[in-house]
Protein backbone atom coordinates (compact mmCIF):
# COMPACT_ATOMS: atom_id res chain seq x y z
CA MET A 1 0.00 0.00 0.00
CA LYS A 2 1.26 3.45 -0.85
CA ALA A 3 1.67 6.01 1.91
CA ARG A 4 -1.53 7.99 2.34
CA ILE A 5 0.33 10.94 3.80
CA VAL A 6 3.24 12.32 1.79
CA ASN A 7 4.93 15.68 2.20
CA ILE A 8 5.41 17.71 -0.98
CA GLU A 9 9.17 17.67 -0.33
CA GLU A 10 9.11 13.86 -0.72
CA ILE A 11 7.50 13.92 -4.18
CA PRO A 12 9.91 14.13 -7.10
CA CYS A 13 9.07 16.77 -9.71
CA GLN A 14 8.74 15.70 -13.31
CA GLU A 15 10.05 18.29 -15.74
CA ILE A 16 7.93 18.59 -18.87
CA SER A 17 8.90 20.71 -21.86
CA HIS A 18 8.29 20.95 -25.56
CA GLY A 19 9.62 23.63 -27.89
CA ASP A 20 9.77 27.23 -26.67
CA ARG A 21 6.20 27.50 -25.31
CA TYR A 22 5.77 24.54 -22.98
CA GLU A 23 7.63 24.04 -19.73
CA CYS A 24 6.61 23.10 -16.20
CA LYS A 25 7.48 21.01 -13.18
CA VAL A 26 4.80 18.68 -11.85
CA ALA A 27 4.71 16.87 -8.50
CA TRP A 28 2.19 14.04 -9.08
CA ALA A 29 0.82 13.70 -5.54
CA GLY A 30 -2.32 11.65 -6.29
CA ALA A 31 -0.47 8.71 -7.78
CA ARG A 32 2.13 8.89 -5.01
CA THR A 33 -0.47 8.68 -2.23
CA GLY A 34 -2.48 5.88 -3.86
CA ALA A 35 -5.57 7.95 -4.69
CA LYS A 36 -8.09 6.02 -6.77
CA LYS A 37 -10.79 8.49 -7.90
CA LEU A 38 -8.90 11.79 -7.73
CA GLY A 39 -5.73 13.02 -9.36
CA TYR A 40 -3.88 15.92 -7.80
CA ASN A 41 -0.58 17.60 -8.36
CA ILE A 42 1.34 20.79 -7.80
CA THR A 43 2.37 22.44 -11.06
CA VAL A 44 4.97 25.20 -11.31
CA LEU A 45 5.12 27.31 -14.49
CA PRO A 46 8.11 29.52 -15.22
CA PRO A 47 7.44 33.00 -16.66
CA GLY A 48 6.24 32.97 -20.27
CA LYS A 49 5.36 29.25 -20.30
CA ARG A 50 2.33 26.97 -20.56
CA PRO A 51 2.15 23.47 -19.09
CA PHE A 52 0.14 21.70 -21.80
CA PRO A 53 -1.65 22.43 -25.08
CA TYR A 54 -5.13 23.98 -25.06
CA HIS A 55 -7.47 21.03 -24.40
CA ALA A 56 -10.91 19.91 -23.20
CA HIS A 57 -11.64 16.83 -21.11
CA ARG A 58 -14.84 14.97 -22.01
CA GLY A 59 -14.90 12.85 -18.83
CA HIS A 60 -12.72 14.49 -16.17
CA GLU A 61 -13.69 17.50 -14.12
CA GLU A 62 -10.76 19.67 -13.05
CA MET A 63 -10.13 22.34 -10.46
CA PHE A 64 -7.12 24.60 -10.10
CA PHE A 65 -6.22 26.59 -6.99
CA ILE A 66 -3.56 29.26 -7.44
CA LEU A 67 -1.04 28.92 -4.62
CA GLU A 68 1.49 31.53 -5.67
CA GLY A 69 1.94 34.08 -8.44
CA SER A 70 -0.34 35.25 -11.20
CA GLY A 71 -1.03 34.60 -14.84
CA SER A 72 -4.00 33.85 -17.03
CA ILE A 73 -6.10 30.92 -18.10
CA ARG A 74 -7.82 30.50 -21.43
CA ILE A 75 -11.25 28.96 -21.05
CA ASP A 76 -13.49 28.40 -24.06
CA GLY A 77 -11.33 30.73 -26.14
CA LYS A 78 -11.32 33.66 -23.70
CA SER A 79 -8.46 34.78 -21.46
CA HIS A 80 -9.07 35.34 -17.74
CA PRO A 81 -6.56 36.66 -15.18
CA VAL A 82 -5.70 34.40 -12.22
CA ARG A 83 -3.81 35.19 -9.04
CA GLU A 84 -2.96 33.71 -5.67
CA GLY A 85 -6.10 32.49 -3.91
CA ASP A 86 -8.21 31.95 -7.06
CA PHE A 87 -10.17 28.73 -7.68
CA VAL A 88 -10.83 27.69 -11.29
CA CYS A 89 -13.63 25.21 -12.06
CA LEU A 90 -13.51 23.18 -15.29
CA PRO A 91 -16.45 20.75 -15.67
CA PRO A 92 -16.13 18.18 -18.45
CA GLY A 93 -17.05 19.36 -21.93
CA ARG A 94 -15.91 21.32 -24.95
CA ASP A 95 -16.84 24.67 -23.38
CA SER A 96 -14.24 24.02 -20.65
CA ALA A 97 -11.33 23.83 -23.10
CA HIS A 98 -8.48 25.42 -21.17
CA GLN A 99 -4.81 26.31 -20.92
CA MET A 100 -2.94 27.94 -18.06
CA ILE A 101 -0.42 30.62 -19.10
CA ASN A 102 2.19 32.33 -16.99
CA ASP A 103 2.28 35.78 -18.55
CA SER A 104 3.95 37.30 -15.48
CA SER A 105 7.63 37.74 -14.59
CA ALA A 106 7.57 35.32 -11.60
CA PRO A 107 6.78 31.60 -11.22
CA LEU A 108 3.10 30.55 -11.12
CA ARG A 109 2.37 27.67 -8.74
CA TYR A 110 -1.01 25.92 -8.52
CA LEU A 111 -2.77 22.85 -7.21
CA ALA A 112 -4.56 20.86 -9.91
CA VAL A 113 -7.26 18.36 -8.88
CA SER A 114 -9.29 16.16 -11.23
CA THR A 115 -11.58 13.19 -11.24
CA MET A 116 -9.84 10.18 -12.76
CA GLU A 117 -12.62 8.59 -14.81
CA VAL A 118 -11.57 6.10 -17.45
CA PRO A 119 -11.98 5.82 -20.28
CA GLU A 120 -11.22 9.48 -20.95
CA VAL A 121 -11.32 11.44 -24.19
CA VAL A 122 -9.39 14.70 -24.53
CA GLU A 123 -9.92 17.11 -27.42
CA TYR A 124 -7.23 19.53 -28.62
CA PRO A 125 -9.20 22.20 -30.54
CA GLU A 126 -6.22 24.13 -31.92
CA SER A 127 -4.33 21.15 -33.34
CA GLY A 128 -7.36 19.02 -34.24
CA LYS A 129 -6.14 16.07 -32.16
CA LEU A 130 -8.11 13.63 -30.07
CA GLY A 131 -6.62 11.59 -27.21
CA VAL A 132 -8.18 8.40 -25.84
CA PHE A 133 -7.09 6.94 -22.49
CA ALA A 134 -8.21 3.57 -21.09
CA GLY A 135 -6.78 1.40 -18.33
CA ALA A 136 -4.90 4.33 -16.78
CA PRO A 137 -6.07 7.94 -16.88
CA PRO A 138 -3.91 10.87 -17.99
CA GLY A 139 -1.33 11.71 -15.34
CA ARG A 140 -1.02 8.13 -14.08
CA PRO A 141 1.60 5.55 -15.09
CA ALA A 142 0.48 3.38 -17.99
CA SER A 143 0.23 -0.37 -17.48
CA GLU A 144 0.63 -3.15 -20.05
CA ASP A 145 -3.10 -3.14 -20.79
CA SER A 146 -3.45 0.67 -20.96
CA ILE A 147 -4.46 2.42 -24.14
CA ARG A 148 -3.12 5.90 -24.84
CA HIS A 149 -3.88 6.82 -28.40
CA PHE A 150 -3.72 10.18 -30.14
CA THR A 151 -5.10 10.80 -33.59
CA MET A 152 -6.25 13.66 -35.74
CA VAL A 153 -10.03 14.10 -35.60
CA GLU A 154 -10.13 14.40 -39.40
CA ASP A 155 -8.62 10.91 -39.72
CA GLY A 156 -11.66 9.24 -38.16
CA VAL A 157 -13.32 6.38 -40.00
CA GLU A 158 -16.95 5.41 -40.37
CA TYR A 159 -18.40 2.89 -37.89
CA TRP A 160 -18.76 0.07 -40.47
CA GLN A 161 -15.44 0.61 -42.25
CA GLY A 162 -13.54 -2.69 -42.59
CA GLU A 163 -16.45 -4.82 -41.35
CA LYS A 164 -17.82 -7.70 -43.46
């Protein structure tokens, strides 16, 4: 059994980066404590960075709580300022497409909490991608029987294609 009480100092940070826009450090606390139905982590964004592409969860509900700093979050195509002490609610659905952005000159640190329903489908409106997760939700280690598949929405096939 995993420890149910873990201090943030005991959780290793995963560094995530891609190109010039994406960079963050994430301490995956939910997986470390053995949580089953909730995922939670502390994310730290350096100035000028975003943690992940603009996306919408179709199954998960998310909540962010700003612990330190300020920045903005895009929700449903509109930018909203966020600062220390703010809660952000993101129910599942296309109109909750979101992306945190640190547009300040200091680090932005927040708690992210989400339900961990599987299977999960994640849409990426700007790139036209679709992600499907089964067996292990996003943010959790994949197992041998997990499915993590990304495809372009436009590459979809008809239901009966290939059937005899």
